[in-house]
Amino acid sequence: MLKPTFKKIYYEKDIVNYELGKYLLDKYNNIPKIEIKSHNNIEELRKYENKDFGKLKHYLIIGTRKTHKYVENHKISDYLVPFSSSGCYAMCMYCYLVCNYNKCSYLRVFVNTKEILDRLIKFSNESDKELVFEIGSNSDLLLENLVTNTLKDNTEYFLKNTKKGKLTFPTKFNLIEPLLSISDKKRVIPRMSLNPDNIIKKVEFGTSNLKERLDAINKLVENGYKPYILIAPVIITDTFENDYKALIQEMKEKLSTKAQKKITFEIIFMTYSYVHRKINEEAFPKAINLYSKELMTSRGIGKYHYRNDVKDKCKSYILNLLHKNFKDCIIKYVV
């Protein structure tokens, strides 16, 4: 599913005033198109039922980004930045965007990228310290790049026009070629999300497999990057210990010696929701059930988290394995 198979395009009429808008309309000239007033309110799509979730992944929405509010963050970055896209056409069953599936889960591409970047550059230049900007919290930029072919140009534009500030983004894909010739790799932090291969196959539909992701990490390192590794989201099943032991063993075996030096890890346990349950039950009736009454507890309206005692036990297990296999590793956080 890495290559997009769009069956319909919804677009705001003013995208023709932007080079990217014209490029996308021409690139997908043979796909049926519907003009819309706002990418945020497509009445037709709001009427879809849960069982129709998969259909939405074959729709591309093109518009301009109007929201530019940066949100403070205290994990890897200083700010979460609304960037060039939102949503995704892969289908990870736990994705938080699924909670608003008829608004967010399909891929929305924003064509006013110069405006988005100029705001970010101005913000970075006016800061009295170097900031790290998370530009991939609402989408997977490597997957988006298959559609827009803008990742390298956008990154270079930022690097050229400000002498400080770093960009970071997570990914589940091995589509790293656009990153290999970036000019200043010290100011770009790709973060590869990993999970046991059986979790990827059962839950992260349409993403790169584990071997492909590990190979991509090695290639990034060889080309001058210091990528981070997210073990995320940690999913607790009956085979949890074997699954994550196998993952870390494969990392030990497949990552190059250079890649293994002072690896930076992020560890994120899965959160889930009532909305996820309903959509997944109807859209993927034969798929694994990620909800567990025994392991999870409610937190907030319709939100599920692993119980603290369950999470703490699994957290200790993973940390022990990481420290045993990667003695110089850095654990940024566990949530």
C-alpha atoms as a PDB file:
ATOM      1  CA  MET A   1       0.000   0.000   0.000  1.00  0.00           C
ATOM      2  CA  LEU A   2       3.032   2.314  -0.102  1.00  0.00           C
ATOM      3  CA  LYS A   3       2.011   3.602  -3.505  1.00  0.00           C
ATOM      4  CA  PRO A   4      -1.183   5.670  -3.215  1.00  0.00           C
ATOM      5  CA  THR A   5      -4.260   4.380  -5.007  1.00  0.00           C
ATOM      6  CA  PHE A   6      -6.539   7.385  -4.830  1.00  0.00           C
ATOM      7  CA  LYS A   7     -10.041   6.966  -6.244  1.00  0.00           C
ATOM      8  CA  LYS A   8     -11.360  10.457  -5.580  1.00  0.00           C
ATOM      9  CA  ILE A   9      -9.941  13.910  -4.865  1.00  0.00           C
ATOM     10  CA  TYR A  10     -11.613  16.704  -2.916  1.00  0.00           C
ATOM     11  CA  TYR A  11     -10.044  20.133  -3.387  1.00  0.00           C
ATOM     12  CA  GLU A  12     -10.497  23.768  -2.425  1.00  0.00           C
ATOM     13  CA  LYS A  13     -10.758  25.932  -5.528  1.00  0.00           C
ATOM     14  CA  ASP A  14      -7.976  28.357  -4.542  1.00  0.00           C
ATOM     15  CA  ILE A  15      -5.306  25.640  -4.657  1.00  0.00           C
ATOM     16  CA  VAL A  16      -4.838  26.573  -8.327  1.00  0.00           C
ATOM     17  CA  ASN A  17      -3.096  29.722  -7.073  1.00  0.00           C
ATOM     18  CA  TYR A  18      -0.228  27.618  -5.725  1.00  0.00           C
ATOM     19  CA  GLU A  19       2.409  25.700  -7.650  1.00  0.00           C
ATOM     20  CA  LEU A  20       1.879  22.577  -5.555  1.00  0.00           C
ATOM     21  CA  GLY A  21      -1.862  22.767  -6.118  1.00  0.00           C
ATOM     22  CA  LYS A  22      -1.421  22.926  -9.887  1.00  0.00           C
ATOM     23  CA  TYR A  23       1.152  20.118  -9.730  1.00  0.00           C
ATOM     24  CA  LEU A  24      -1.210  17.801  -7.835  1.00  0.00           C
ATOM     25  CA  LEU A  25      -4.199  18.502 -10.078  1.00  0.00           C
ATOM     26  CA  ASP A  26      -2.053  17.718 -13.088  1.00  0.00           C
ATOM     27  CA  LYS A  27      -0.426  14.657 -11.507  1.00  0.00           C
ATOM     28  CA  TYR A  28      -3.822  13.141 -10.729  1.00  0.00           C
ATOM     29  CA  ASN A  29      -5.645  14.524 -13.755  1.00  0.00           C
ATOM     30  CA  ASN A  30      -7.386  11.205 -14.456  1.00  0.00           C
ATOM     31  CA  ILE A  31      -8.938  10.867 -10.975  1.00  0.00           C
ATOM     32  CA  PRO A  32     -12.492  12.162 -10.318  1.00  0.00           C
ATOM     33  CA  LYS A  33     -12.470  15.480  -8.452  1.00  0.00           C
ATOM     34  CA  ILE A  34     -14.966  17.318  -6.294  1.00  0.00           C
ATOM     35  CA  GLU A  35     -14.602  20.995  -5.402  1.00  0.00           C
ATOM     36  CA  ILE A  36     -15.178  21.791  -1.710  1.00  0.00           C
ATOM     37  CA  LYS A  37     -15.417  24.969   0.332  1.00  0.00           C
ATOM     38  CA  SER A  38     -13.236  23.732   3.200  1.00  0.00           C
ATOM     39  CA  HIS A  39     -11.003  20.727   3.765  1.00  0.00           C
ATOM     40  CA  ASN A  40     -12.201  20.831   7.381  1.00  0.00           C
ATOM     41  CA  ASN A  41     -15.855  20.263   6.603  1.00  0.00           C
ATOM     42  CA  ILE A  42     -16.680  17.773   3.863  1.00  0.00           C
ATOM     43  CA  GLU A  43     -20.315  16.945   4.501  1.00  0.00           C
ATOM     44  CA  GLU A  44     -20.355  13.894   2.241  1.00  0.00           C
ATOM     45  CA  LEU A  45     -17.564  12.194   4.182  1.00  0.00           C
ATOM     46  CA  ARG A  46     -19.090  12.883   7.585  1.00  0.00           C
ATOM     47  CA  LYS A  47     -21.957  10.569   6.673  1.00  0.00           C
ATOM     48  CA  TYR A  48     -19.714   7.522   6.258  1.00  0.00           C
ATOM     49  CA  GLU A  49     -20.285   4.587   8.588  1.00  0.00           C
ATOM     50  CA  ASN A  50     -17.560   2.826  10.584  1.00  0.00           C
ATOM     51  CA  LYS A  51     -17.485  -0.087   8.167  1.00  0.00           C
ATOM     52  CA  ASP A  52     -16.594   2.341   5.360  1.00  0.00           C
ATOM     53  CA  PHE A  53     -13.397   3.500   7.061  1.00  0.00           C
ATOM     54  CA  GLY A  54     -11.142   1.808   4.503  1.00  0.00           C
ATOM     55  CA  LYS A  55     -12.756   3.737   1.654  1.00  0.00           C
ATOM     56  CA  LEU A  56     -11.605   7.035   3.128  1.00  0.00           C
ATOM     57  CA  LYS A  57      -7.982   5.951   2.787  1.00  0.00           C
ATOM     58  CA  HIS A  58      -8.397   6.128  -0.992  1.00  0.00           C
ATOM     59  CA  TYR A  59      -9.416   9.782  -0.963  1.00  0.00           C
ATOM     60  CA  LEU A  60      -7.005  12.695  -1.230  1.00  0.00           C
ATOM     61  CA  ILE A  61      -8.000  16.094   0.116  1.00  0.00           C
ATOM     62  CA  ILE A  62      -6.121  19.177  -1.096  1.00  0.00           C
ATOM     63  CA  GLY A  63      -6.431  22.581   0.515  1.00  0.00           C
ATOM     64  CA  THR A  64      -4.611  25.368   2.301  1.00  0.00           C
ATOM     65  CA  ARG A  65      -3.672  25.311   5.958  1.00  0.00           C
ATOM     66  CA  LYS A  66      -5.335  28.039   7.971  1.00  0.00           C
ATOM     67  CA  THR A  67      -4.263  26.955  11.466  1.00  0.00           C
ATOM     68  CA  HIS A  68      -0.671  27.802  12.387  1.00  0.00           C
ATOM     69  CA  LYS A  69      -0.690  27.611  16.184  1.00  0.00           C
ATOM     70  CA  TYR A  70       2.423  25.984  17.662  1.00  0.00           C
ATOM     71  CA  VAL A  71       1.919  23.791  20.707  1.00  0.00           C
ATOM     72  CA  GLU A  72       4.628  23.533  23.337  1.00  0.00           C
ATOM     73  CA  ASN A  73       6.067  20.063  23.735  1.00  0.00           C
ATOM     74  CA  HIS A  74       8.463  18.682  26.299  1.00  0.00           C
ATOM     75  CA  LYS A  75       9.596  15.341  24.918  1.00  0.00           C
ATOM     76  CA  ILE A  76      11.777  15.439  21.825  1.00  0.00           C
ATOM     77  CA  SER A  77      10.806  18.846  20.507  1.00  0.00           C
ATOM     78  CA  ASP A  78      10.059  22.285  21.875  1.00  0.00           C
ATOM     79  CA  TYR A  79       7.002  22.791  19.670  1.00  0.00           C
ATOM     80  CA  LEU A  80       4.532  20.752  17.636  1.00  0.00           C
ATOM     81  CA  VAL A  81       4.143  22.559  14.323  1.00  0.00           C
ATOM     82  CA  PRO A  82       1.119  22.263  12.005  1.00  0.00           C
ATOM     83  CA  PHE A  83       2.886  21.403   8.764  1.00  0.00           C
ATOM     84  CA  SER A  84       2.309  20.319   5.185  1.00  0.00           C
ATOM     85  CA  SER A  85      -0.196  17.508   5.683  1.00  0.00           C
ATOM     86  CA  SER A  86      -2.569  15.826   8.072  1.00  0.00           C
ATOM     87  CA  GLY A  87      -3.744  12.253   8.184  1.00  0.00           C
ATOM     88  CA  CYS A  88      -2.346   9.307   6.289  1.00  0.00           C
ATOM     89  CA  TYR A  89      -3.393   6.603   3.857  1.00  0.00           C
ATOM     90  CA  ALA A  90      -1.853   3.764   5.858  1.00  0.00           C
ATOM     91  CA  MET A  91      -4.143   2.081   8.410  1.00  0.00           C
ATOM     92  CA  CYS A  92      -2.653   1.635  11.875  1.00  0.00           C
ATOM     93  CA  MET A  93      -5.470   0.402  14.101  1.00  0.00           C
ATOM     94  CA  TYR A  94      -4.446   2.487  17.118  1.00  0.00           C
ATOM     95  CA  CYS A  95      -3.786   5.818  15.345  1.00  0.00           C
ATOM     96  CA  TYR A  96      -5.093   8.786  17.319  1.00  0.00           C
ATOM     97  CA  LEU A  97      -6.250  10.433  14.104  1.00  0.00           C
ATOM     98  CA  VAL A  98      -8.790   7.632  13.758  1.00  0.00           C
ATOM     99  CA  CYS A  99     -10.762   9.232  16.596  1.00  0.00           C
ATOM    100  CA  ASN A 100     -11.946  11.764  14.032  1.00  0.00           C
ATOM    101  CA  TYR A 101     -11.817   9.391  11.114  1.00  0.00           C
ATOM    102  CA  ASN A 102     -14.248  11.255   8.887  1.00  0.00           C
ATOM    103  CA  LYS A 103     -12.210  14.435   9.246  1.00  0.00           C
ATOM    104  CA  CYS A 104      -8.598  13.505   9.850  1.00  0.00           C
ATOM    105  CA  SER A 105      -7.659   9.962   8.915  1.00  0.00           C
ATOM    106  CA  TYR A 106      -7.510  10.410   5.157  1.00  0.00           C
ATOM    107  CA  LEU A 107      -4.542  12.296   3.750  1.00  0.00           C
ATOM    108  CA  ARG A 108      -4.971  16.067   3.560  1.00  0.00           C
ATOM    109  CA  VAL A 109      -2.229  17.936   1.732  1.00  0.00           C
ATOM    110  CA  PHE A 110      -1.765  21.679   2.194  1.00  0.00           C
ATOM    111  CA  VAL A 111      -0.369  23.575  -0.747  1.00  0.00           C
ATOM    112  CA  ASN A 112       0.566  26.870   0.979  1.00  0.00           C
ATOM    113  CA  THR A 113       3.852  25.401   2.181  1.00  0.00           C
ATOM    114  CA  LYS A 114       5.860  28.599   1.678  1.00  0.00           C
ATOM    115  CA  GLU A 115       3.544  30.434   4.055  1.00  0.00           C
ATOM    116  CA  ILE A 116       3.843  27.593   6.576  1.00  0.00           C
ATOM    117  CA  LEU A 117       7.638  27.559   6.298  1.00  0.00           C
ATOM    118  CA  ASP A 118       8.046  31.347   6.377  1.00  0.00           C
ATOM    119  CA  ARG A 119       6.115  31.505   9.653  1.00  0.00           C
ATOM    120  CA  LEU A 120       8.293  28.758  11.101  1.00  0.00           C
ATOM    121  CA  ILE A 121      11.513  30.408   9.928  1.00  0.00           C
ATOM    122  CA  LYS A 122      10.481  33.747  11.420  1.00  0.00           C
ATOM    123  CA  PHE A 123       9.609  32.066  14.712  1.00  0.00           C
ATOM    124  CA  SER A 124      12.954  30.252  14.774  1.00  0.00           C
ATOM    125  CA  ASN A 125      14.969  33.354  13.898  1.00  0.00           C
ATOM    126  CA  GLU A 126      13.284  35.413  16.602  1.00  0.00           C
ATOM    127  CA  SER A 127      13.985  32.872  19.336  1.00  0.00           C
ATOM    128  CA  ASP A 128      16.920  33.520  21.663  1.00  0.00           C
ATOM    129  CA  LYS A 129      17.786  29.812  21.654  1.00  0.00           C
ATOM    130  CA  GLU A 130      17.880  26.955  19.214  1.00  0.00           C
ATOM    131  CA  LEU A 131      14.531  25.184  19.106  1.00  0.00           C
ATOM    132  CA  VAL A 132      13.492  21.739  17.910  1.00  0.00           C
ATOM    133  CA  PHE A 133      10.314  21.682  15.834  1.00  0.00           C
ATOM    134  CA  GLU A 134       8.190  18.544  15.455  1.00  0.00           C
ATOM    135  CA  ILE A 135       6.766  18.797  11.944  1.00  0.00           C
ATOM    136  CA  GLY A 136       5.334  15.286  11.634  1.00  0.00           C
ATOM    137  CA  SER A 137       2.888  14.912  14.505  1.00  0.00           C
ATOM    138  CA  ASN A 138      -0.201  14.915  12.249  1.00  0.00           C
ATOM    139  CA  SER A 139       1.042  12.842   9.333  1.00  0.00           C
ATOM    140  CA  ASP A 140       3.892  10.684   8.080  1.00  0.00           C
ATOM    141  CA  LEU A 141       5.983  13.012   5.948  1.00  0.00           C
ATOM    142  CA  LEU A 142       7.797  10.216   4.118  1.00  0.00           C
ATOM    143  CA  LEU A 143       4.499   8.768   2.972  1.00  0.00           C
ATOM    144  CA  GLU A 144       3.149  12.211   2.089  1.00  0.00           C
ATOM    145  CA  ASN A 145       6.249  12.788  -0.034  1.00  0.00           C
ATOM    146  CA  LEU A 146       5.146  10.019  -2.414  1.00  0.00           C
ATOM    147  CA  VAL A 147       2.252  12.316  -3.269  1.00  0.00           C
ATOM    148  CA  THR A 148       3.821  15.792  -3.150  1.00  0.00           C
ATOM    149  CA  ASN A 149       7.541  15.197  -3.724  1.00  0.00           C
ATOM    150  CA  THR A 150       8.241  18.226  -1.498  1.00  0.00           C
ATOM    151  CA  LEU A 151       9.997  16.854   1.600  1.00  0.00           C
ATOM    152  CA  LYS A 152      13.523  17.646   0.465  1.00  0.00           C
ATOM    153  CA  ASP A 153      12.655  21.095  -0.883  1.00  0.00           C
ATOM    154  CA  ASN A 154      10.705  22.050   2.243  1.00  0.00           C
ATOM    155  CA  THR A 155      13.521  20.901   4.500  1.00  0.00           C
ATOM    156  CA  GLU A 156      16.189  22.681   2.490  1.00  0.00           C
ATOM    157  CA  TYR A 157      14.132  25.869   2.443  1.00  0.00           C
ATOM    158  CA  PHE A 158      14.061  25.886   6.245  1.00  0.00           C
ATOM    159  CA  LEU A 159      17.765  25.075   6.562  1.00  0.00           C
ATOM    160  CA  LYS A 160      18.739  27.770   4.071  1.00  0.00           C
ATOM    161  CA  ASN A 161      16.692  30.557   5.607  1.00  0.00           C
ATOM    162  CA  THR A 162      17.511  30.124   9.269  1.00  0.00           C
ATOM    163  CA  LYS A 163      20.869  29.317  10.820  1.00  0.00           C
ATOM    164  CA  LYS A 164      19.351  27.803  13.937  1.00  0.00           C
ATOM    165  CA  GLY A 165      16.562  25.430  14.780  1.00  0.00           C
ATOM    166  CA  LYS A 166      16.124  21.728  14.089  1.00  0.00           C
ATOM    167  CA  LEU A 167      13.375  19.720  12.447  1.00  0.00           C
ATOM    168  CA  THR A 168      12.211  16.304  13.592  1.00  0.00           C
ATOM    169  CA  PHE A 169       9.525  13.869  12.488  1.00  0.00           C
ATOM    170  CA  PRO A 170       8.599  10.212  13.124  1.00  0.00           C
ATOM    171  CA  THR A 171       7.960   7.639  10.420  1.00  0.00           C
ATOM    172  CA  LYS A 172       7.011   4.011   9.897  1.00  0.00           C
ATOM    173  CA  PHE A 173       8.402   3.914   6.374  1.00  0.00           C
ATOM    174  CA  ASN A 174      11.701   3.182   4.672  1.00  0.00           C
ATOM    175  CA  LEU A 175      11.122   5.864   2.022  1.00  0.00           C
ATOM    176  CA  ILE A 176      14.212   7.820   3.032  1.00  0.00           C
ATOM    177  CA  GLU A 177      15.795   8.616  -0.343  1.00  0.00           C
ATOM    178  CA  PRO A 178      14.745  12.314  -0.280  1.00  0.00           C
ATOM    179  CA  LEU A 179      16.607  12.732   3.016  1.00  0.00           C
ATOM    180  CA  LEU A 180      19.949  11.334   1.909  1.00  0.00           C
ATOM    181  CA  SER A 181      21.089  14.457   0.053  1.00  0.00           C
ATOM    182  CA  ILE A 182      19.860  17.036   2.579  1.00  0.00           C
ATOM    183  CA  SER A 183      22.572  19.658   3.130  1.00  0.00           C
ATOM    184  CA  ASP A 184      22.697  19.944   6.941  1.00  0.00           C
ATOM    185  CA  LYS A 185      21.868  16.564   8.451  1.00  0.00           C
ATOM    186  CA  LYS A 186      22.798  17.659  11.974  1.00  0.00           C
ATOM    187  CA  ARG A 187      19.682  19.848  12.037  1.00  0.00           C
ATOM    188  CA  VAL A 188      17.270  17.124  10.923  1.00  0.00           C
ATOM    189  CA  ILE A 189      16.286  14.269  13.254  1.00  0.00           C
ATOM    190  CA  PRO A 190      14.344  11.442  11.597  1.00  0.00           C
ATOM    191  CA  ARG A 191      12.755   9.113  14.157  1.00  0.00           C
ATOM    192  CA  MET A 192      11.959   5.573  13.083  1.00  0.00           C
ATOM    193  CA  SER A 193       9.055   3.850  14.806  1.00  0.00           C
ATOM    194  CA  LEU A 194       9.609   0.138  15.463  1.00  0.00           C
ATOM    195  CA  ASN A 195       7.421  -2.693  16.658  1.00  0.00           C
ATOM    196  CA  PRO A 196       7.708  -6.486  16.568  1.00  0.00           C
ATOM    197  CA  ASP A 197       7.152  -7.713  13.032  1.00  0.00           C
ATOM    198  CA  ASN A 198       4.001  -9.638  13.950  1.00  0.00           C
ATOM    199  CA  ILE A 199       2.514  -6.445  15.450  1.00  0.00           C
ATOM    200  CA  ILE A 200       3.354  -4.553  12.270  1.00  0.00           C
ATOM    201  CA  LYS A 201       1.635  -7.215  10.159  1.00  0.00           C
ATOM    202  CA  LYS A 202      -1.451  -7.462  12.366  1.00  0.00           C
ATOM    203  CA  VAL A 203      -1.941  -3.824  13.355  1.00  0.00           C
ATOM    204  CA  GLU A 204       0.068  -1.376  11.217  1.00  0.00           C
ATOM    205  CA  PHE A 205      -1.513  -2.085   7.840  1.00  0.00           C
ATOM    206  CA  GLY A 206       0.198  -0.562   4.822  1.00  0.00           C
ATOM    207  CA  THR A 207       3.498   0.339   6.516  1.00  0.00           C
ATOM    208  CA  SER A 208       7.073  -0.827   5.913  1.00  0.00           C
ATOM    209  CA  ASN A 209       8.052  -4.091   7.576  1.00  0.00           C
ATOM    210  CA  LEU A 210      10.603  -4.324  10.379  1.00  0.00           C
ATOM    211  CA  LYS A 211      13.548  -5.317   8.187  1.00  0.00           C
ATOM    212  CA  GLU A 212      12.892  -2.400   5.842  1.00  0.00           C
ATOM    213  CA  ARG A 213      12.774   0.030   8.752  1.00  0.00           C
ATOM    214  CA  LEU A 214      16.015  -1.298  10.255  1.00  0.00           C
ATOM    215  CA  ASP A 215      17.737  -1.107   6.865  1.00  0.00           C
ATOM    216  CA  ALA A 216      16.544   2.508   6.589  1.00  0.00           C
ATOM    217  CA  ILE A 217      18.074   3.353   9.971  1.00  0.00           C
ATOM    218  CA  ASN A 218      21.420   1.940   8.860  1.00  0.00           C
ATOM    219  CA  LYS A 219      21.301   3.925   5.638  1.00  0.00           C
ATOM    220  CA  LEU A 220      20.429   7.143   7.483  1.00  0.00           C
ATOM    221  CA  VAL A 221      23.381   6.631   9.824  1.00  0.00           C
ATOM    222  CA  GLU A 222      25.746   5.923   6.942  1.00  0.00           C
ATOM    223  CA  ASN A 223      24.629   9.177   5.342  1.00  0.00           C
ATOM    224  CA  GLY A 224      25.370  11.326   8.356  1.00  0.00           C
ATOM    225  CA  TYR A 225      22.161  11.269  10.406  1.00  0.00           C
ATOM    226  CA  LYS A 226      21.656  10.399  14.052  1.00  0.00           C
ATOM    227  CA  PRO A 227      18.138   9.006  13.890  1.00  0.00           C
ATOM    228  CA  TYR A 228      16.141   8.242  17.010  1.00  0.00           C
ATOM    229  CA  ILE A 229      14.230   5.010  17.518  1.00  0.00           C
ATOM    230  CA  LEU A 230      10.685   4.963  18.831  1.00  0.00           C
ATOM    231  CA  ILE A 231       9.484   1.704  20.262  1.00  0.00           C
ATOM    232  CA  ALA A 232       5.934   2.730  19.733  1.00  0.00           C
ATOM    233  CA  PRO A 233       3.291   2.095  20.468  1.00  0.00           C
ATOM    234  CA  VAL A 234       4.058  -0.734  22.855  1.00  0.00           C
ATOM    235  CA  ILE A 235       1.122  -3.138  22.604  1.00  0.00           C
ATOM    236  CA  ILE A 236       0.628  -5.662  25.403  1.00  0.00           C
ATOM    237  CA  THR A 237      -0.645  -9.056  24.265  1.00  0.00           C
ATOM    238  CA  ASP A 238      -0.375 -12.623  25.559  1.00  0.00           C
ATOM    239  CA  THR A 239       2.940 -12.936  23.692  1.00  0.00           C
ATOM    240  CA  PHE A 240       4.300  -9.568  24.834  1.00  0.00           C
ATOM    241  CA  GLU A 241       7.607 -10.794  26.318  1.00  0.00           C
ATOM    242  CA  ASN A 242       8.493 -12.973  23.338  1.00  0.00           C
ATOM    243  CA  ASP A 243       7.458 -10.287  20.866  1.00  0.00           C
ATOM    244  CA  TYR A 244       9.559  -7.477  22.317  1.00  0.00           C
ATOM    245  CA  LYS A 245      12.483  -9.748  23.106  1.00  0.00           C
ATOM    246  CA  ALA A 246      12.486 -10.771  19.448  1.00  0.00           C
ATOM    247  CA  LEU A 247      12.277  -7.120  18.371  1.00  0.00           C
ATOM    248  CA  ILE A 248      15.282  -6.084  20.436  1.00  0.00           C
ATOM    249  CA  GLN A 249      17.262  -9.142  19.348  1.00  0.00           C
ATOM    250  CA  GLU A 250      16.576  -8.284  15.719  1.00  0.00           C
ATOM    251  CA  MET A 251      17.649  -4.704  16.342  1.00  0.00           C
ATOM    252  CA  LYS A 252      20.871  -6.012  17.870  1.00  0.00           C
ATOM    253  CA  GLU A 253      21.499  -8.287  14.897  1.00  0.00           C
ATOM    254  CA  LYS A 254      20.442  -6.014  12.033  1.00  0.00           C
ATOM    255  CA  LEU A 255      21.547  -2.543  13.122  1.00  0.00           C
ATOM    256  CA  SER A 256      25.087  -1.666  12.078  1.00  0.00           C
ATOM    257  CA  THR A 257      27.823  -1.161  14.669  1.00  0.00           C
ATOM    258  CA  LYS A 258      27.767   2.537  13.868  1.00  0.00           C
ATOM    259  CA  ALA A 259      23.997   2.736  14.291  1.00  0.00           C
ATOM    260  CA  GLN A 260      24.172   1.041  17.683  1.00  0.00           C
ATOM    261  CA  LYS A 261      26.429   3.670  19.228  1.00  0.00           C
ATOM    262  CA  LYS A 262      24.532   5.805  21.734  1.00  0.00           C
ATOM    263  CA  ILE A 263      21.109   5.083  20.280  1.00  0.00           C
ATOM    264  CA  THR A 264      18.412   7.445  21.485  1.00  0.00           C
ATOM    265  CA  PHE A 265      15.147   5.688  22.317  1.00  0.00           C
ATOM    266  CA  GLU A 266      11.614   6.898  22.913  1.00  0.00           C
ATOM    267  CA  ILE A 267       9.126   4.426  24.361  1.00  0.00           C
ATOM    268  CA  ILE A 268       5.402   5.042  24.051  1.00  0.00           C
ATOM    269  CA  PHE A 269       2.724   2.662  25.302  1.00  0.00           C
ATOM    270  CA  MET A 270      -0.472   2.404  23.315  1.00  0.00           C
ATOM    271  CA  THR A 271      -3.528   4.403  24.285  1.00  0.00           C
ATOM    272  CA  TYR A 272      -6.858   3.379  22.867  1.00  0.00           C
ATOM    273  CA  SER A 273     -10.443   4.563  22.830  1.00  0.00           C
ATOM    274  CA  TYR A 274     -14.072   3.565  22.490  1.00  0.00           C
ATOM    275  CA  VAL A 275     -14.106   5.138  19.024  1.00  0.00           C
ATOM    276  CA  HIS A 276     -11.152   2.968  17.956  1.00  0.00           C
ATOM    277  CA  ARG A 277     -12.985  -0.121  19.179  1.00  0.00           C
ATOM    278  CA  LYS A 278     -16.169   0.639  17.261  1.00  0.00           C
ATOM    279  CA  ILE A 279     -14.390   1.516  14.014  1.00  0.00           C
ATOM    280  CA  ASN A 280     -12.019  -1.451  14.154  1.00  0.00           C
ATOM    281  CA  GLU A 281     -14.796  -3.922  14.989  1.00  0.00           C
ATOM    282  CA  GLU A 282     -16.717  -2.899  11.887  1.00  0.00           C
ATOM    283  CA  ALA A 283     -13.911  -1.993   9.482  1.00  0.00           C
ATOM    284  CA  PHE A 284     -11.552  -4.840  10.415  1.00  0.00           C
ATOM    285  CA  PRO A 285     -13.789  -7.573  11.873  1.00  0.00           C
ATOM    286  CA  LYS A 286     -11.138 -10.284  11.469  1.00  0.00           C
ATOM    287  CA  ALA A 287      -8.271  -8.251  12.931  1.00  0.00           C
ATOM    288  CA  ILE A 288      -6.723  -8.522  16.383  1.00  0.00           C
ATOM    289  CA  ASN A 289      -8.721  -7.033  19.266  1.00  0.00           C
ATOM    290  CA  LEU A 290      -6.527  -4.349  20.845  1.00  0.00           C
ATOM    291  CA  TYR A 291      -8.888  -3.689  23.744  1.00  0.00           C
ATOM    292  CA  SER A 292      -8.395  -5.680  26.946  1.00  0.00           C
ATOM    293  CA  LYS A 293     -10.730  -5.273  29.906  1.00  0.00           C
ATOM    294  CA  GLU A 294      -8.175  -7.104  32.074  1.00  0.00           C
ATOM    295  CA  LEU A 295      -5.180  -4.958  31.147  1.00  0.00           C
ATOM    296  CA  MET A 296      -6.760  -1.558  30.558  1.00  0.00           C
ATOM    297  CA  THR A 297      -8.509   1.071  32.611  1.00  0.00           C
ATOM    298  CA  SER A 298     -10.633   4.043  31.606  1.00  0.00           C
ATOM    299  CA  ARG A 299      -9.117   7.481  31.811  1.00  0.00           C
ATOM    300  CA  GLY A 300     -11.274  10.316  30.628  1.00  0.00           C
ATOM    301  CA  ILE A 301     -14.349   9.910  28.462  1.00  0.00           C
ATOM    302  CA  GLY A 302     -13.968   6.883  26.231  1.00  0.00           C
ATOM    303  CA  LYS A 303     -10.174   6.680  26.693  1.00  0.00           C
ATOM    304  CA  TYR A 304      -8.285   3.521  27.618  1.00  0.00           C
ATOM    305  CA  HIS A 305      -4.799   3.168  29.081  1.00  0.00           C
ATOM    306  CA  TYR A 306      -2.921   0.163  30.362  1.00  0.00           C
ATOM    307  CA  ARG A 307      -3.208  -0.199  34.137  1.00  0.00           C
ATOM    308  CA  ASN A 308      -0.209   1.271  35.953  1.00  0.00           C
ATOM    309  CA  ASP A 309       0.884  -2.066  37.435  1.00  0.00           C
ATOM    310  CA  VAL A 310       0.708  -3.750  34.012  1.00  0.00           C
ATOM    311  CA  LYS A 311       2.515  -0.903  32.301  1.00  0.00           C
ATOM    312  CA  ASP A 312       5.251  -0.698  34.970  1.00  0.00           C
ATOM    313  CA  LYS A 313       6.003  -4.406  34.656  1.00  0.00           C
ATOM    314  CA  CYS A 314       6.254  -4.221  30.874  1.00  0.00           C
ATOM    315  CA  LYS A 315       8.257  -1.010  31.053  1.00  0.00           C
ATOM    316  CA  SER A 316      10.862  -2.653  33.310  1.00  0.00           C
ATOM    317  CA  TYR A 317      11.047  -5.631  30.975  1.00  0.00           C
ATOM    318  CA  ILE A 318      11.754  -3.494  27.901  1.00  0.00           C
ATOM    319  CA  LEU A 319      14.230  -1.221  29.690  1.00  0.00           C
ATOM    320  CA  ASN A 320      16.196  -4.192  30.997  1.00  0.00           C
ATOM    321  CA  LEU A 321      16.427  -5.641  27.500  1.00  0.00           C
ATOM    322  CA  LEU A 322      17.541  -2.338  26.020  1.00  0.00           C
ATOM    323  CA  HIS A 323      20.230  -1.697  28.626  1.00  0.00           C
ATOM    324  CA  LYS A 324      21.461  -5.267  28.289  1.00  0.00           C
ATOM    325  CA  ASN A 325      21.763  -5.104  24.513  1.00  0.00           C
ATOM    326  CA  PHE A 326      22.636  -1.417  24.005  1.00  0.00           C
ATOM    327  CA  LYS A 327      24.778  -0.406  26.967  1.00  0.00           C
ATOM    328  CA  ASP A 328      25.317   3.208  25.873  1.00  0.00           C
ATOM    329  CA  CYS A 329      21.752   3.878  24.817  1.00  0.00           C
ATOM    330  CA  ILE A 330      19.848   6.994  25.847  1.00  0.00           C
ATOM    331  CA  ILE A 331      16.218   6.628  26.959  1.00  0.00           C
ATOM    332  CA  LYS A 332      14.597  10.002  26.363  1.00  0.00           C
ATOM    333  CA  TYR A 333      11.307   9.135  27.977  1.00  0.00           C
ATOM    334  CA  VAL A 334       8.741   6.396  28.594  1.00  0.00           C
ATOM    335  CA  VAL A 335       5.048   7.280  28.499  1.00  0.00           C
END
